[in-house]
Structures are given as structure tokens and as C-alpha cells.
Amino acid sequence: MIIQDKAVRLILAKFDTGAGKKGAADGPMALLNQLKKSKVEFEDKVELENVPVTENGHHPFCKNIEVLTENSIQLCELIYQARNEGKLPLIFSGDHSNAIGGLSGLKCAHPDKRIGVIWIDAHADLHSPYTTPSGNMHGMPLAVLLGVDNESEAHNQISEPEKQAWDKLKSIGPNAIMPKIQAQDLVFIGLRDAEQEEWKLIDHLGVRFFEPDDFKAHGIYFAINHALKHLEHCDLLYVSFDVDSMDPSIADGTGTPVENGLSQIEAESVMKSFLNHPKLGAFEITEINPGLDKKSKKMAELTAEIFAFALKK
């Protein structure tokens, strides 16, 4: 497959150790199988299998962090290798904590480049072990990548082993760059479900965001064009599409669905605009959980339709 004149390497990161509900590990293959029905094929494909979790709950504020760190290192190395071979990484991942490895790999392959991040998600994913209400790591990837702890809003007393594991995760990669991204290089699209600690951090860091009311009032291209304008100083883009950015009335096979999300047409516009952008450095689709499908249209089926539409010239 070729996107933007670049050969695509598909990476199936079948990891769901960061999620509270299991089953997202099956999402990447479910999406791939649906795409095959649409005659979308990938000649260059790598699979990463879920590693069994062996921890026994001794990190309540950053659950499964050791396994997640090993998974993130594997994915980071694959992205790093793909970029060094001139390939465009396309990541189908289990849960959103996989963005830690994905974005770390892109930064480590381009240490002197400024990376803009477009985070298409209902959630902010800005918690840390100090603020998390659940301990689930898929709520923390952006805090890892920004290198922030948000201790001013802390309400958890984390242990020394948890602190050490958290600091190790923030510095993964062959050249241990930290932070991987800057707050001014991050844009949220579809954000509508964040905790107070995250909103305060967004305000403190001055992160740009577009809520559903913004594009309901002004149209989806209001968010798309303003996001690209905001990031025009960046050299590369990492785009992460969490399927819970979409409204659950269309499909609900994801761990944390939230109402008032993107319509299918809006999601198609978003994916097409960013997937075909000349600065694209890596593209991720995440959080499909086939075991949670209740609607007649499966989440993998809907996402495959949107992706196939985005590929059309």
C-alpha cells in the first residue's frame, strides 16, 4: 500500500494491558479482517502479540506498567526501524497506551524534528499515577509523552517502585529523549470527557482543543483546518484516532464510549484529511474492542468503512 507516495508498513500492536476492560487486543485483527472484505490489502505487515500479565496488583496507580513498558519498547523499535527504512507506519493498536511506543518511535527516529500530535479522542489521556482515578494506563499516554506528572493536582500517594517505573516509561527509546512532545504541539479533536485534573493541566499548558460543539456549530473542517494551522510549525505529524471519538449511536465496540461524538461523515473527513497530509509521520487507529459490540454495525466494520473512504483519491 502507498499513502502520500510512501510505502506503508502496517503494525498490528495487539496489546491491551493498559485498558480496564480486556478485549481490545482483538481489535487490530478485527479491523484488518474487515478491510480485507473491502479489498484493502497490506503487503508489508508486522504483528506484535499481547504479553501475558504477571503482575499481582502491586502498582495500583499504574497497573501492569512493567509489561506495558516492554510492549512500548517493542513498538517503539518497530516504528524507529520503519521510519529509518523510509516507510510510513500505520498502527492498528489495542488500547491507547500503545501511543507511548508509537510516538516514542517516531521521535527517536527523528530526534531533531518537531512532532505535532493530533489526538482524536473523547478523552484527554493526561492522567498520571498521581492523579488517576483508576490506575489504567490507557488514560495516561499523553502525560508520559509530555513528561508531566501533574503533582499539583495529586491525590494518590504512589510508591517508590511506581515512581521508578513511571519515570522509566517516560524515557523509553534508543536515545532516551524526554519529553517526546511539547504541549504547544498537541491538538485534541472531539474531546468531551476529561476529569478536573486534566482540564486544569490543559489550561495550564495551553493545549489547543476542539470539542463537539465547536464543529457542530462551525463544521468539522473548522477543527481540521485550525488544527493544521496551529501545527504548521511542526515538521511531522503523529495522528492518533481513538474510535471512541465517534458517537456510540453508530457503533459501540470500544471500552469507554461517550455520547455526542463524531458522525461517520465527520470521522471520514477527519481521517481523510490527516491520513493524506504530506507531513504525516505515523497514523494510529486504536481502542476497537469486538467483545463490546452491541450495535448491528460492528466497530471494526464502521472503522474499516471510514478508513477505506479515506484512501480514495
Protein backbone atom coordinates (compact mmCIF):
# COMPACT_ATOMS: atom_id res chain seq x y z
CA MET A 1 0.00 0.00 0.00
CA ILE A 2 1.12 3.54 -0.82
CA ILE A 3 -0.07 6.67 1.03
CA GLN A 4 1.31 10.09 0.13
CA ASP A 5 3.86 8.38 -2.16
CA LYS A 6 5.22 6.47 0.84
CA ALA A 7 5.27 2.72 1.25
CA VAL A 8 3.13 1.77 4.26
CA ARG A 9 4.19 -0.69 6.94
CA LEU A 10 1.21 -1.94 8.92
CA ILE A 11 1.98 -2.71 12.56
CA LEU A 12 -0.61 -4.70 14.48
CA ALA A 13 0.07 -3.89 18.13
CA LYS A 14 -2.21 -6.41 19.82
CA PHE A 15 -1.65 -5.04 23.31
CA ASP A 16 -4.45 -4.19 25.75
CA THR A 17 -2.60 -4.21 29.08
CA GLY A 18 -3.39 -0.51 29.54
CA ALA A 19 -7.18 -0.90 29.40
CA GLY A 20 -9.58 -1.59 32.21
CA LYS A 21 -11.70 -3.87 30.03
CA LYS A 22 -9.96 -6.66 28.16
CA GLY A 23 -10.65 -7.47 24.52
CA ALA A 24 -9.03 -4.56 22.70
CA ALA A 25 -6.15 -6.89 21.83
CA ASP A 26 -8.53 -8.43 19.28
CA GLY A 27 -9.26 -5.05 17.69
CA PRO A 28 -6.32 -4.83 15.26
CA MET A 29 -7.10 -8.18 13.61
CA ALA A 30 -10.83 -7.42 13.54
CA LEU A 31 -10.10 -4.20 11.66
CA LEU A 32 -7.67 -5.91 9.30
CA ASN A 33 -10.20 -8.66 8.50
CA GLN A 34 -12.90 -6.08 7.75
CA LEU A 35 -10.52 -4.19 5.46
CA LYS A 36 -9.79 -7.38 3.53
CA LYS A 37 -13.52 -7.56 2.74
CA SER A 38 -13.14 -4.09 1.20
CA LYS A 39 -10.16 -5.31 -0.86
CA VAL A 40 -7.73 -3.20 1.18
CA GLU A 41 -4.56 -5.25 1.41
CA PHE A 42 -1.20 -4.69 3.12
CA GLU A 43 1.91 -6.28 1.65
CA ASP A 44 4.20 -5.13 4.49
CA LYS A 45 2.81 -6.21 7.85
CA VAL A 46 4.24 -6.89 11.32
CA GLU A 47 2.33 -8.36 14.28
CA LEU A 48 3.06 -7.85 17.97
CA GLU A 49 1.31 -10.29 20.30
CA ASN A 50 -0.09 -9.47 23.73
CA VAL A 51 2.26 -10.44 26.56
CA PRO A 52 0.59 -12.23 29.49
CA VAL A 53 0.31 -10.01 32.54
CA THR A 54 2.19 -11.47 35.53
CA GLU A 55 1.94 -8.55 37.97
CA ASN A 56 -0.13 -9.05 41.08
CA GLY A 57 -1.66 -5.65 41.68
CA HIS A 58 1.34 -4.11 43.45
CA HIS A 59 1.13 -0.99 41.24
CA PRO A 60 -2.46 0.15 41.83
CA PHE A 61 -1.87 3.61 40.34
CA CYS A 62 -0.11 2.39 37.16
CA LYS A 63 -1.44 -1.10 36.54
CA ASN A 64 0.64 -3.55 34.51
CA ILE A 65 3.28 -0.87 33.92
CA GLU A 66 6.23 -3.27 33.60
CA VAL A 67 4.54 -5.32 30.86
CA LEU A 68 3.27 -2.16 29.21
CA THR A 69 6.80 -0.72 29.20
CA GLU A 70 8.16 -3.82 27.46
CA ASN A 71 5.33 -3.65 24.92
CA SER A 72 6.02 0.04 24.36
CA ILE A 73 9.71 -0.61 23.78
CA GLN A 74 8.88 -3.25 21.17
CA LEU A 75 6.55 -0.91 19.31
CA CYS A 76 8.97 1.98 19.61
CA GLU A 77 11.71 -0.09 17.99
CA LEU A 78 9.42 -1.14 15.12
CA ILE A 79 8.40 2.46 14.40
CA TYR A 80 12.01 3.57 14.61
CA GLN A 81 13.02 0.85 12.14
CA ALA A 82 10.16 1.58 9.76
CA ARG A 83 11.00 5.28 9.60
CA ASN A 84 14.68 4.56 9.06
CA GLU A 85 13.69 2.34 6.13
CA GLY A 86 11.61 5.15 4.63
CA LYS A 87 8.28 3.52 5.48
CA LEU A 88 5.12 5.20 6.76
CA PRO A 89 3.98 3.37 9.90
CA LEU A 90 0.27 2.62 10.12
CA ILE A 91 -0.55 1.29 13.59
CA PHE A 92 -3.65 -0.70 14.46
CA SER A 93 -3.37 -0.93 18.24
CA GLY A 94 -5.30 -2.49 21.09
CA ASP A 95 -5.66 0.25 23.69
CA HIS A 96 -4.49 3.85 23.60
CA SER A 97 -1.46 3.29 25.82
CA ASN A 98 0.18 1.95 22.65
CA ALA A 99 0.65 5.55 21.54
CA ILE A 100 3.52 5.71 24.03
CA GLY A 101 5.55 3.28 21.92
CA GLY A 102 4.27 4.64 18.62
CA LEU A 103 5.07 8.28 19.25
CA SER A 104 8.33 7.47 21.05
CA GLY A 105 9.49 5.54 17.99
CA LEU A 106 8.70 8.44 15.67
CA LYS A 107 10.54 10.92 17.89
CA CYS A 108 13.55 8.64 18.30
CA ALA A 109 13.77 8.20 14.52
CA HIS A 110 13.65 11.99 14.10
CA PRO A 111 15.23 13.46 17.25
CA ASP A 112 15.77 16.87 15.65
CA LYS A 113 12.25 17.15 14.22
CA ARG A 114 9.32 18.82 15.89
CA ILE A 115 6.36 16.45 16.03
CA GLY A 116 2.80 17.72 16.02
CA VAL A 117 0.22 15.43 17.60
CA ILE A 118 -3.43 15.29 16.57
CA TRP A 119 -5.32 13.34 19.24
CA ILE A 120 -8.79 12.41 18.02
CA ASP A 121 -10.45 11.14 21.16
CA ALA A 122 -13.31 11.62 23.58
CA HIS A 123 -10.77 11.63 26.41
CA ALA A 124 -7.71 13.69 27.31
CA ASP A 125 -5.48 10.75 28.41
CA LEU A 126 -3.49 13.19 30.56
CA HIS A 127 -3.63 11.41 33.90
CA SER A 128 -0.54 10.27 35.75
CA PRO A 129 -0.17 7.82 38.65
CA TYR A 130 -0.53 10.85 40.92
CA THR A 131 -3.99 11.78 39.59
CA THR A 132 -5.52 8.65 38.03
CA PRO A 133 -8.91 7.56 39.38
CA SER A 134 -8.49 4.01 38.01
CA GLY A 135 -4.81 3.17 37.58
CA ASN A 136 -5.49 2.17 33.96
CA MET A 137 -2.59 3.21 31.76
CA HIS A 138 -4.65 3.95 28.66
CA GLY A 139 -5.66 7.14 30.47
CA MET A 140 -2.03 8.27 30.74
CA PRO A 141 -0.20 8.14 27.37
CA LEU A 142 -0.07 11.88 26.77
CA ALA A 143 1.24 12.54 30.28
CA VAL A 144 4.01 10.04 29.56
CA LEU A 145 4.86 11.64 26.22
CA LEU A 146 4.74 15.19 27.61
CA GLY A 147 6.80 14.11 30.60
CA VAL A 148 4.32 15.60 33.08
CA ASP A 149 3.31 14.29 36.50
CA ASN A 150 0.71 16.96 37.40
CA GLU A 151 1.69 16.63 41.06
CA SER A 152 -0.03 19.91 41.90
CA GLU A 153 -3.32 18.04 41.41
CA ALA A 154 -2.15 14.82 43.07
CA HIS A 155 -4.49 12.81 45.27
CA ASN A 156 -2.66 9.46 45.13
CA GLN A 157 0.33 8.54 47.27
CA ILE A 158 2.40 6.48 44.86
CA SER A 159 5.12 4.08 45.97
CA GLU A 160 8.79 4.41 45.11
CA PRO A 161 8.66 1.39 42.74
CA GLU A 162 5.71 3.01 40.95
CA LYS A 163 7.62 6.28 40.62
CA GLN A 164 10.66 4.48 39.21
CA ALA A 165 8.55 2.50 36.74
CA TRP A 166 6.73 5.67 35.64
CA ASP A 167 9.99 7.56 35.09
CA LYS A 168 11.40 4.64 33.10
CA LEU A 169 8.36 4.62 30.82
CA LYS A 170 8.74 8.34 30.11
CA SER A 171 12.30 7.82 28.85
CA ILE A 172 11.97 4.78 26.57
CA GLY A 173 13.64 4.77 23.18
CA PRO A 174 17.13 4.25 21.72
CA ASN A 175 18.17 7.81 22.55
CA ALA A 176 16.02 8.22 25.71
CA ILE A 177 14.56 11.56 24.66
CA MET A 178 12.25 13.12 27.25
CA PRO A 179 9.78 14.65 26.74
CA LYS A 180 8.80 13.27 23.36
CA ILE A 181 6.45 16.15 22.52
CA GLN A 182 5.70 19.73 23.57
CA ALA A 183 2.31 20.90 24.84
CA GLN A 184 2.06 23.58 22.16
CA ASP A 185 2.40 20.83 19.54
CA LEU A 186 -0.69 18.91 20.70
CA VAL A 187 -4.27 19.34 19.47
CA PHE A 188 -7.36 17.46 20.63
CA ILE A 189 -10.31 16.85 18.33
CA GLY A 190 -13.56 15.52 19.80
CA LEU A 191 -12.54 15.97 23.44
CA ARG A 192 -15.60 15.82 25.69
CA ASP A 193 -14.87 13.61 28.71
CA ALA A 194 -11.98 14.68 30.92
CA GLU A 195 -11.52 14.90 34.68
CA GLN A 196 -10.92 18.13 36.55
CA GLU A 197 -7.21 17.38 36.96
CA GLU A 198 -6.86 17.01 33.19
CA TRP A 199 -8.79 20.20 32.40
CA LYS A 200 -6.57 22.13 34.79
CA LEU A 201 -3.48 20.71 33.07
CA ILE A 202 -4.85 21.57 29.63
CA ASP A 203 -5.45 25.11 30.82
CA HIS A 204 -2.04 25.39 32.49
CA LEU A 205 -0.20 24.06 29.43
CA GLY A 206 -2.32 26.00 26.94
CA VAL A 207 -3.21 22.91 24.89
CA ARG A 208 -5.46 23.58 21.88
CA PHE A 209 -8.67 21.54 21.78
CA PHE A 210 -11.87 21.27 19.78
CA GLU A 211 -14.99 19.96 21.48
CA PRO A 212 -18.00 18.56 19.61
CA ASP A 213 -19.89 21.83 19.98
CA ASP A 214 -17.14 23.59 18.01
CA PHE A 215 -17.58 21.51 14.89
CA LYS A 216 -21.30 21.05 15.35
CA ALA A 217 -21.57 24.85 15.17
CA HIS A 218 -18.90 25.59 12.57
CA GLY A 219 -18.45 22.31 10.68
CA ILE A 220 -15.78 19.63 11.01
CA TYR A 221 -13.35 21.46 8.72
CA PHE A 222 -13.28 24.28 11.26
CA ALA A 223 -11.48 21.87 13.62
CA ILE A 224 -9.37 20.22 10.91
CA ASN A 225 -8.13 23.46 9.37
CA HIS A 226 -7.49 25.18 12.69
CA ALA A 227 -5.63 22.12 13.99
CA LEU A 228 -3.35 22.10 10.94
CA LYS A 229 -2.84 25.86 11.19
CA HIS A 230 -1.90 25.51 14.86
CA LEU A 231 0.68 22.81 13.99
CA GLU A 232 2.08 24.33 10.80
CA HIS A 233 5.41 24.97 12.54
CA CYS A 234 5.86 21.22 13.12
CA ASP A 235 7.99 19.03 10.84
CA LEU A 236 5.99 15.79 11.22
CA LEU A 237 2.54 14.75 12.39
CA TYR A 238 1.54 11.81 14.56
CA VAL A 239 -2.21 11.26 14.23
CA SER A 240 -3.98 9.03 16.72
CA PHE A 241 -7.60 8.10 16.03
CA ASP A 242 -9.35 6.58 19.03
CA VAL A 243 -12.63 5.06 17.86
CA ASP A 244 -14.38 6.38 20.97
CA SER A 245 -14.11 9.79 19.28
CA MET A 246 -17.18 8.62 17.33
CA ASP A 247 -20.71 8.70 18.65
CA PRO A 248 -21.77 5.36 20.20
CA SER A 249 -25.11 5.55 18.36
CA ILE A 250 -23.19 4.44 15.24
CA ALA A 251 -21.14 1.67 16.82
CA ASP A 252 -20.22 0.99 20.44
CA GLY A 253 -17.50 -1.67 20.40
CA THR A 254 -14.99 0.25 22.50
CA GLY A 255 -14.10 0.33 26.17
CA THR A 256 -15.21 3.84 27.10
CA PRO A 257 -17.90 5.14 24.70
CA VAL A 258 -19.11 8.73 25.21
CA GLU A 259 -22.15 10.38 23.66
CA ASN A 260 -22.01 13.46 21.39
CA GLY A 261 -19.15 12.17 19.28
CA LEU A 262 -18.21 12.35 15.62
CA SER A 263 -20.70 11.22 13.00
CA GLN A 264 -19.50 8.82 10.34
CA ILE A 265 -19.24 11.64 7.80
CA GLU A 266 -17.24 13.76 10.26
CA ALA A 267 -14.94 10.83 11.03
CA GLU A 268 -14.40 10.25 7.31
CA SER A 269 -13.48 13.90 6.81
CA VAL A 270 -11.06 13.81 9.73
CA MET A 271 -9.35 10.60 8.70
CA LYS A 272 -9.10 11.53 5.03
CA SER A 273 -7.65 14.96 5.79
CA PHE A 274 -4.94 13.71 8.12
CA LEU A 275 -4.14 10.37 6.50
CA ASN A 276 -3.29 12.19 3.28
CA HIS A 277 -1.39 15.10 4.81
CA PRO A 278 2.16 15.46 3.41
CA LYS A 279 3.69 15.85 6.89
CA LEU A 280 2.21 12.60 8.20
CA GLY A 281 4.87 10.61 10.06
CA ALA A 282 2.68 7.87 11.57
CA PHE A 283 -1.04 7.14 11.88
CA GLU A 284 -2.68 5.11 14.62
CA ILE A 285 -6.18 3.62 14.97
CA THR A 286 -6.94 2.34 18.45
CA GLU A 287 -9.43 1.07 21.07
CA ILE A 288 -11.62 -1.23 18.93
CA ASN A 289 -12.96 -3.91 21.28
CA PRO A 290 -15.01 -6.52 19.38
CA GLY A 291 -16.22 -8.14 22.60
CA LEU A 292 -18.16 -4.99 23.48
CA ASP A 293 -20.10 -4.62 20.22
CA LYS A 294 -23.85 -4.33 20.82
CA LYS A 295 -24.98 -2.42 17.73
CA SER A 296 -25.79 -4.15 14.45
CA LYS A 297 -22.78 -2.44 12.87
CA LYS A 298 -19.56 -3.64 14.46
CA MET A 299 -16.94 -1.04 15.41
CA ALA A 300 -14.32 -2.75 13.24
CA GLU A 301 -16.75 -2.71 10.31
CA LEU A 302 -17.50 1.00 10.75
CA THR A 303 -13.83 1.90 11.12
CA ALA A 304 -12.92 -0.13 8.04
CA GLU A 305 -15.53 1.77 6.03
CA ILE A 306 -14.08 5.08 7.22
CA PHE A 307 -10.50 4.03 6.51
CA ALA A 308 -11.37 2.72 3.05
CA PHE A 309 -13.13 6.01 2.28
CA ALA A 310 -10.03 7.94 3.40
CA LEU A 311 -7.89 6.03 0.92
CA LYS A 312 -9.99 7.08 -2.06
CA LYS A 313 -8.47 9.70 -4.33
